[in-house]
Amino acid sequence: MIYLLSRLIFKFILLLFFGFEVKGRENIPKKGPFIMVSNHTSYVDPAVVGVACNTVPLVFMAKKEIFNVPILGPWVKAVGCIPVGRGSREFKPLKEALQRLKCGESLCIFPEGTRSPDGNLQKAQPGIGLIAAKSGAPVVPAYVSGTNKAMPKGKKYITPCKITAKIGKIVDLGECLRAPQKRHTYDSIGERVMCSISELKSDA
């Protein structure tokens, strides 16, 4: 209920102040579980991806420091976000993500792990590869543009500007998923995921 209400509010704001547009929405599966992956340049990105995905609610993985912020902390808990320690090697968040997928929920993961300081795509962290390999869930790429201008890293206020989300077709991971589940396999999946996001950027 809180997720759907939040999504409605964010949708209104994005349409009113940012001329929000979604391209390729037909590529989003009608039901879960699936994993949406997107570039990450701004704190605004989760709201954009959440509004763009109009088929099912998404479970976001968020840095655990946010859970201690007044007002924002209780909200991210209420909408079901999974806390992740920055630079942490603990398996608990990954285990919870896999359990959520097993229960039929869908995830949103920003493979780069943190916001890009200059808008350029960064290397994927190994978490996305592990989750995709162990769950076998379809991976849907997205590229968000405009948020790095609306609220880039280091900026505290939002500037209205055009924001667009482009959704691509499910990433073909067949060869990777058939390979032994080792670190290099997870890295290969991460590379393929980032390539799919990069292709959307090129076409944006």
Foldseek 3Di string as FASTA:
>chain_A
DLLVVLLVVLVVCCVPQAVEAEAPLVQADLFDAAEEEEAAFFPCVVSNVQNSNPRAGAAEADAQVQLPDPPSNVSNVVSHHQHDHQVDPDCVSLVVLLVCRVVRHYYYYHQCRHHDQPPDGDFGDLSVLLSCLVNVHWYKYKYKPDNCVQGGPPRDHGDHYHIYMYIDHTQDLPVLSVDPPDSVSSSVVRVSRVVRNVVVVVVD
